[in-house]
Amino acid sequence: MKTSELKRYLRSLGIIVTPMGATGHLSLLNPGNGRRSVMPSHGSRKELATGTVHKILKDLGLK
């Protein structure tokens, strides 16, 4: 899954996505349960590893 696709999907679920300054990462917040995660944002066309996607979803309390 590409970074841009995951970001779009998370936003559709109500996840708040904010940049973390110049680190090249995005801060993710699930306002429903207060859980947080961090997502690399090294280009919107770059594929994220499957394990990374699963870890982000688990951190946010999704599936």
PDB file of N, CA and C in Angstrom:
ATOM      1  N   MET A   1       0.855  -1.166   0.000  1.00  0.00           N
ATOM      2  CA  MET A   1       0.000   0.000   0.000  1.00  0.00           C
ATOM      3  C   MET A   1       0.905   1.234   0.000  1.00  0.00           C
ATOM      4  N   LYS A   2       0.529   2.198  -0.803  1.00  0.00           N
ATOM      5  CA  LYS A   2       1.304   3.435  -0.871  1.00  0.00           C
ATOM      6  C   LYS A   2       0.974   4.330   0.312  1.00  0.00           C
ATOM      7  N   THR A   3       1.917   5.190   0.657  1.00  0.00           N
ATOM      8  CA  THR A   3       1.742   6.120   1.774  1.00  0.00           C
ATOM      9  C   THR A   3       0.490   6.967   1.592  1.00  0.00           C
ATOM     10  N   SER A   4       0.274   7.477   0.387  1.00  0.00           N
ATOM     11  CA  SER A   4      -0.880   8.336   0.133  1.00  0.00           C
ATOM     12  C   SER A   4      -2.197   7.568   0.288  1.00  0.00           C
ATOM     13  N   GLU A   5      -2.214   6.295  -0.115  1.00  0.00           N
ATOM     14  CA  GLU A   5      -3.420   5.474   0.015  1.00  0.00           C
ATOM     15  C   GLU A   5      -3.752   5.228   1.479  1.00  0.00           C
ATOM     16  N   LEU A   6      -2.726   4.896   2.275  1.00  0.00           N
ATOM     17  CA  LEU A   6      -2.948   4.644   3.694  1.00  0.00           C
ATOM     18  C   LEU A   6      -3.417   5.913   4.395  1.00  0.00           C
ATOM     19  N   LYS A   7      -2.810   7.041   4.053  1.00  0.00           N
ATOM     20  CA  LYS A   7      -3.196   8.316   4.655  1.00  0.00           C
ATOM     21  C   LYS A   7      -4.666   8.633   4.346  1.00  0.00           C
ATOM     22  N   ARG A   8      -5.071   8.429   3.099  1.00  0.00           N
ATOM     23  CA  ARG A   8      -6.459   8.676   2.688  1.00  0.00           C
ATOM     24  C   ARG A   8      -7.416   7.745   3.440  1.00  0.00           C
ATOM     25  N   TYR A   9      -7.049   6.468   3.561  1.00  0.00           N
ATOM     26  CA  TYR A   9      -7.872   5.491   4.268  1.00  0.00           C
ATOM     27  C   TYR A   9      -8.028   5.863   5.739  1.00  0.00           C
ATOM     28  N   LEU A  10      -6.926   6.220   6.389  1.00  0.00           N
ATOM     29  CA  LEU A  10      -6.979   6.576   7.809  1.00  0.00           C
ATOM     30  C   LEU A  10      -7.830   7.822   8.040  1.00  0.00           C
ATOM     31  N   ARG A  11      -7.697   8.800   7.171  1.00  0.00           N
ATOM     32  CA  ARG A  11      -8.513  10.019   7.305  1.00  0.00           C
ATOM     33  C   ARG A  11      -9.996   9.700   7.141  1.00  0.00           C
ATOM     34  N   SER A  12     -10.337   8.756   6.275  1.00  0.00           N
ATOM     35  CA  SER A  12     -11.742   8.384   6.090  1.00  0.00           C
ATOM     36  C   SER A  12     -12.312   7.724   7.348  1.00  0.00           C
ATOM     37  N   LEU A  13     -11.434   7.160   8.187  1.00  0.00           N
ATOM     38  CA  LEU A  13     -11.852   6.544   9.450  1.00  0.00           C
ATOM     39  C   LEU A  13     -11.874   7.540  10.604  1.00  0.00           C
ATOM     40  N   GLY A  14     -11.485   8.786  10.334  1.00  0.00           N
ATOM     41  CA  GLY A  14     -11.499   9.816  11.367  1.00  0.00           C
ATOM     42  C   GLY A  14     -10.178   9.992  12.087  1.00  0.00           C
ATOM     43  N   ILE A  15      -9.117   9.367  11.594  1.00  0.00           N
ATOM     44  CA  ILE A  15      -7.791   9.503  12.199  1.00  0.00           C
ATOM     45  C   ILE A  15      -7.236  10.883  11.851  1.00  0.00           C
ATOM     46  N   ILE A  16      -6.643  11.544  12.836  1.00  0.00           N
ATOM     47  CA  ILE A  16      -6.040  12.862  12.637  1.00  0.00           C
ATOM     48  C   ILE A  16      -4.585  12.659  12.228  1.00  0.00           C
ATOM     49  N   VAL A  17      -4.225  13.200  11.063  1.00  0.00           N
ATOM     50  CA  VAL A  17      -2.880  13.051  10.499  1.00  0.00           C
ATOM     51  C   VAL A  17      -2.209  14.414  10.503  1.00  0.00           C
ATOM     52  N   THR A  18      -1.050  14.523  11.185  1.00  0.00           N
ATOM     53  CA  THR A  18      -0.314  15.787  11.228  1.00  0.00           C
ATOM     54  C   THR A  18       1.169  15.535  10.978  1.00  0.00           C
ATOM     55  N   PRO A  19       1.857  16.449  10.286  1.00  0.00           N
ATOM     56  CA  PRO A  19       3.293  16.292  10.051  1.00  0.00           C
ATOM     57  C   PRO A  19       4.086  16.479  11.343  1.00  0.00           C
ATOM     58  N   MET A  20       5.227  15.815  11.416  1.00  0.00           N
ATOM     59  CA  MET A  20       6.098  15.906  12.595  1.00  0.00           C
ATOM     60  C   MET A  20       7.323  16.764  12.278  1.00  0.00           C
ATOM     61  N   GLY A  21       7.129  17.908  11.716  1.00  0.00           N
ATOM     62  CA  GLY A  21       8.248  18.794  11.409  1.00  0.00           C
ATOM     63  C   GLY A  21       9.060  18.287  10.236  1.00  0.00           C
ATOM     64  N   ALA A  22      10.373  18.370  10.354  1.00  0.00           N
ATOM     65  CA  ALA A  22      11.266  18.009   9.255  1.00  0.00           C
ATOM     66  C   ALA A  22      11.734  16.565   9.324  1.00  0.00           C
ATOM     67  N   THR A  23      11.062  15.719  10.094  1.00  0.00           N
ATOM     68  CA  THR A  23      11.515  14.338  10.267  1.00  0.00           C
ATOM     69  C   THR A  23      11.121  13.424   9.125  1.00  0.00           C
ATOM     70  N   GLY A  24      10.170  13.844   8.294  1.00  0.00           N
ATOM     71  CA  GLY A  24       9.706  12.986   7.209  1.00  0.00           C
ATOM     72  C   GLY A  24       8.720  11.933   7.688  1.00  0.00           C
ATOM     73  N   HIS A  25       8.098  12.164   8.825  1.00  0.00           N
ATOM     74  CA  HIS A  25       7.110  11.246   9.379  1.00  0.00           C
ATOM     75  C   HIS A  25       5.806  11.992   9.660  1.00  0.00           C
ATOM     76  N   LEU A  26       4.738  11.225   9.825  1.00  0.00           N
ATOM     77  CA  LEU A  26       3.439  11.790  10.157  1.00  0.00           C
ATOM     78  C   LEU A  26       2.991  11.239  11.495  1.00  0.00           C
ATOM     79  N   SER A  27       2.415  12.091  12.309  1.00  0.00           N
ATOM     80  CA  SER A  27       1.847  11.688  13.590  1.00  0.00           C
ATOM     81  C   SER A  27       0.384  11.344  13.362  1.00  0.00           C
ATOM     82  N   LEU A  28      -0.053  10.210  13.906  1.00  0.00           N
ATOM     83  CA  LEU A  28      -1.425   9.742  13.732  1.00  0.00           C
ATOM     84  C   LEU A  28      -2.093   9.650  15.091  1.00  0.00           C
ATOM     85  N   LEU A  29      -3.326  10.139  15.186  1.00  0.00           N
ATOM     86  CA  LEU A  29      -4.077  10.097  16.435  1.00  0.00           C
ATOM     87  C   LEU A  29      -5.475   9.579  16.163  1.00  0.00           C
ATOM     88  N   ASN A  30      -5.879   8.564  16.918  1.00  0.00           N
ATOM     89  CA  ASN A  30      -7.241   8.059  16.852  1.00  0.00           C
ATOM     90  C   ASN A  30      -8.015   8.743  17.977  1.00  0.00           C
ATOM     91  N   PRO A  31      -8.847   9.745  17.665  1.00  0.00           N
ATOM     92  CA  PRO A  31      -9.542  10.480  18.720  1.00  0.00           C
ATOM     93  C   PRO A  31     -10.582   9.637  19.458  1.00  0.00           C
ATOM     94  N   GLY A  32     -10.990   8.529  18.868  1.00  0.00           N
ATOM     95  CA  GLY A  32     -11.981   7.667  19.502  1.00  0.00           C
ATOM     96  C   GLY A  32     -11.464   6.961  20.737  1.00  0.00           C
ATOM     97  N   ASN A  33     -10.172   6.590  20.710  1.00  0.00           N
ATOM     98  CA  ASN A  33      -9.604   5.868  21.848  1.00  0.00           C
ATOM     99  C   ASN A  33      -8.305   6.488  22.366  1.00  0.00           C
ATOM    100  N   GLY A  34      -7.845   7.571  21.747  1.00  0.00           N
ATOM    101  CA  GLY A  34      -6.648   8.260  22.216  1.00  0.00           C
ATOM    102  C   GLY A  34      -5.338   7.589  21.846  1.00  0.00           C
ATOM    103  N   ARG A  35      -5.380   6.540  21.033  1.00  0.00           N
ATOM    104  CA  ARG A  35      -4.148   5.825  20.661  1.00  0.00           C
ATOM    105  C   ARG A  35      -3.431   6.560  19.535  1.00  0.00           C
ATOM    106  N   ARG A  36      -2.096   6.451  19.559  1.00  0.00           N
ATOM    107  CA  ARG A  36      -1.243   7.168  18.603  1.00  0.00           C
ATOM    108  C   ARG A  36      -0.315   6.213  17.866  1.00  0.00           C
ATOM    109  N   SER A  37       0.181   6.682  16.724  1.00  0.00           N
ATOM    110  CA  SER A  37       1.190   5.954  15.967  1.00  0.00           C
ATOM    111  C   SER A  37       1.961   6.957  15.122  1.00  0.00           C
ATOM    112  N   VAL A  38       3.012   6.476  14.475  1.00  0.00           N
ATOM    113  CA  VAL A  38       3.833   7.302  13.594  1.00  0.00           C
ATOM    114  C   VAL A  38       3.953   6.572  12.260  1.00  0.00           C
ATOM    115  N   MET A  39       3.840   7.331  11.168  1.00  0.00           N
ATOM    116  CA  MET A  39       3.931   6.749   9.836  1.00  0.00           C
ATOM    117  C   MET A  39       5.021   7.454   9.043  1.00  0.00           C
ATOM    118  N   PRO A  40       5.925   6.699   8.394  1.00  0.00           N
ATOM    119  CA  PRO A  40       6.917   7.342   7.542  1.00  0.00           C
ATOM    120  C   PRO A  40       6.237   7.983   6.342  1.00  0.00           C
ATOM    121  N   SER A  41       6.743   9.120   5.932  1.00  0.00           N
ATOM    122  CA  SER A  41       6.171   9.834   4.788  1.00  0.00           C
ATOM    123  C   SER A  41       7.304  10.251   3.857  1.00  0.00           C
ATOM    124  N   HIS A  42       7.981   9.265   3.315  1.00  0.00           N
ATOM    125  CA  HIS A  42       9.130   9.524   2.453  1.00  0.00           C
ATOM    126  C   HIS A  42       8.705   9.460   0.988  1.00  0.00           C
ATOM    127  N   GLY A  43       7.701  10.232   0.654  1.00  0.00           N
ATOM    128  CA  GLY A  43       7.181  10.251  -0.714  1.00  0.00           C
ATOM    129  C   GLY A  43       5.865   9.503  -0.786  1.00  0.00           C
ATOM    130  N   SER A  44       4.868  10.128  -1.377  1.00  0.00           N
ATOM    131  CA  SER A  44       3.532   9.543  -1.405  1.00  0.00           C
ATOM    132  C   SER A  44       3.427   8.350  -2.350  1.00  0.00           C
ATOM    133  N   ARG A  45       4.380   8.173  -3.244  1.00  0.00           N
ATOM    134  CA  ARG A  45       4.332   7.058  -4.191  1.00  0.00           C
ATOM    135  C   ARG A  45       5.089   5.830  -3.703  1.00  0.00           C
ATOM    136  N   LYS A  46       5.771   5.954  -2.593  1.00  0.00           N
ATOM    137  CA  LYS A  46       6.572   4.844  -2.090  1.00  0.00           C
ATOM    138  C   LYS A  46       5.685   3.830  -1.370  1.00  0.00           C
ATOM    139  N   GLU A  47       5.932   2.561  -1.636  1.00  0.00           N
ATOM    140  CA  GLU A  47       5.177   1.485  -1.004  1.00  0.00           C
ATOM    141  C   GLU A  47       5.647   1.284   0.432  1.00  0.00           C
ATOM    142  N   LEU A  48       4.686   1.113   1.334  1.00  0.00           N
ATOM    143  CA  LEU A  48       4.996   0.780   2.721  1.00  0.00           C
ATOM    144  C   LEU A  48       5.005  -0.737   2.858  1.00  0.00           C
ATOM    145  N   ALA A  49       5.885  -1.251   3.685  1.00  0.00           N
ATOM    146  CA  ALA A  49       5.932  -2.688   3.929  1.00  0.00           C
ATOM    147  C   ALA A  49       4.634  -3.135   4.599  1.00  0.00           C
ATOM    148  N   THR A  50       4.196  -4.343   4.298  1.00  0.00           N
ATOM    149  CA  THR A  50       2.951  -4.873   4.860  1.00  0.00           C
ATOM    150  C   THR A  50       2.990  -4.873   6.376  1.00  0.00           C
ATOM    151  N   GLY A  51       4.120  -5.242   6.952  1.00  0.00           N
ATOM    152  CA  GLY A  51       4.258  -5.258   8.405  1.00  0.00           C
ATOM    153  C   GLY A  51       4.116  -3.876   9.014  1.00  0.00           C
ATOM    154  N   THR A  52       4.613  -2.861   8.321  1.00  0.00           N
ATOM    155  CA  THR A  52       4.496  -1.484   8.791  1.00  0.00           C
ATOM    156  C   THR A  52       3.038  -1.047   8.819  1.00  0.00           C
ATOM    157  N   VAL A  53       2.302  -1.386   7.776  1.00  0.00           N
ATOM    158  CA  VAL A  53       0.877  -1.034   7.713  1.00  0.00           C
ATOM    159  C   VAL A  53       0.117  -1.718   8.842  1.00  0.00           C
ATOM    160  N   HIS A  54       0.381  -3.010   9.057  1.00  0.00           N
ATOM    161  CA  HIS A  54      -0.300  -3.748  10.124  1.00  0.00           C
ATOM    162  C   HIS A  54       0.038  -3.174  11.500  1.00  0.00           C
ATOM    163  N   LYS A  55       1.283  -2.775  11.711  1.00  0.00           N
ATOM    164  CA  LYS A  55       1.705  -2.201  12.992  1.00  0.00           C
ATOM    165  C   LYS A  55       1.002  -0.873  13.247  1.00  0.00           C
ATOM    166  N   ILE A  56       0.880  -0.040  12.223  1.00  0.00           N
ATOM    167  CA  ILE A  56       0.198   1.246  12.366  1.00  0.00           C
ATOM    168  C   ILE A  56      -1.264   1.026  12.743  1.00  0.00           C
ATOM    169  N   LEU A  57      -1.933   0.116  12.035  1.00  0.00           N
ATOM    170  CA  LEU A  57      -3.341  -0.179  12.328  1.00  0.00           C
ATOM    171  C   LEU A  57      -3.507  -0.733  13.742  1.00  0.00           C
ATOM    172  N   LYS A  58      -2.591  -1.602  14.168  1.00  0.00           N
ATOM    173  CA  LYS A  58      -2.647  -2.179  15.515  1.00  0.00           C
ATOM    174  C   LYS A  58      -2.419  -1.089  16.570  1.00  0.00           C
ATOM    175  N   ASP A  59      -1.443  -0.214  16.343  1.00  0.00           N
ATOM    176  CA  ASP A  59      -1.159   0.870  17.277  1.00  0.00           C
ATOM    177  C   ASP A  59      -2.378   1.777  17.478  1.00  0.00           C
ATOM    178  N   LEU A  60      -3.136   1.986  16.399  1.00  0.00           N
ATOM    179  CA  LEU A  60      -4.294   2.871  16.448  1.00  0.00           C
ATOM    180  C   LEU A  60      -5.566   2.160  16.945  1.00  0.00           C
ATOM    181  N   GLY A  61      -5.445   0.867  17.175  1.00  0.00           N
ATOM    182  CA  GLY A  61      -6.605   0.103  17.661  1.00  0.00           C
ATOM    183  C   GLY A  61      -7.589  -0.244  16.558  1.00  0.00           C
ATOM    184  N   LEU A  62      -7.103  -0.332  15.329  1.00  0.00           N
ATOM    185  CA  LEU A  62      -7.940  -0.685  14.188  1.00  0.00           C
ATOM    186  C   LEU A  62      -7.598  -2.096  13.751  1.00  0.00           C
ATOM    187  N   LYS A  63      -8.591  -2.929  13.596  1.00  0.00           N
ATOM    188  CA  LYS A  63      -8.448  -4.323  13.159  1.00  0.00           C
ATOM    189  C   LYS A  63      -7.295  -5.056  13.790  1.00  0.00           C
TER     190      LYS A  63
END
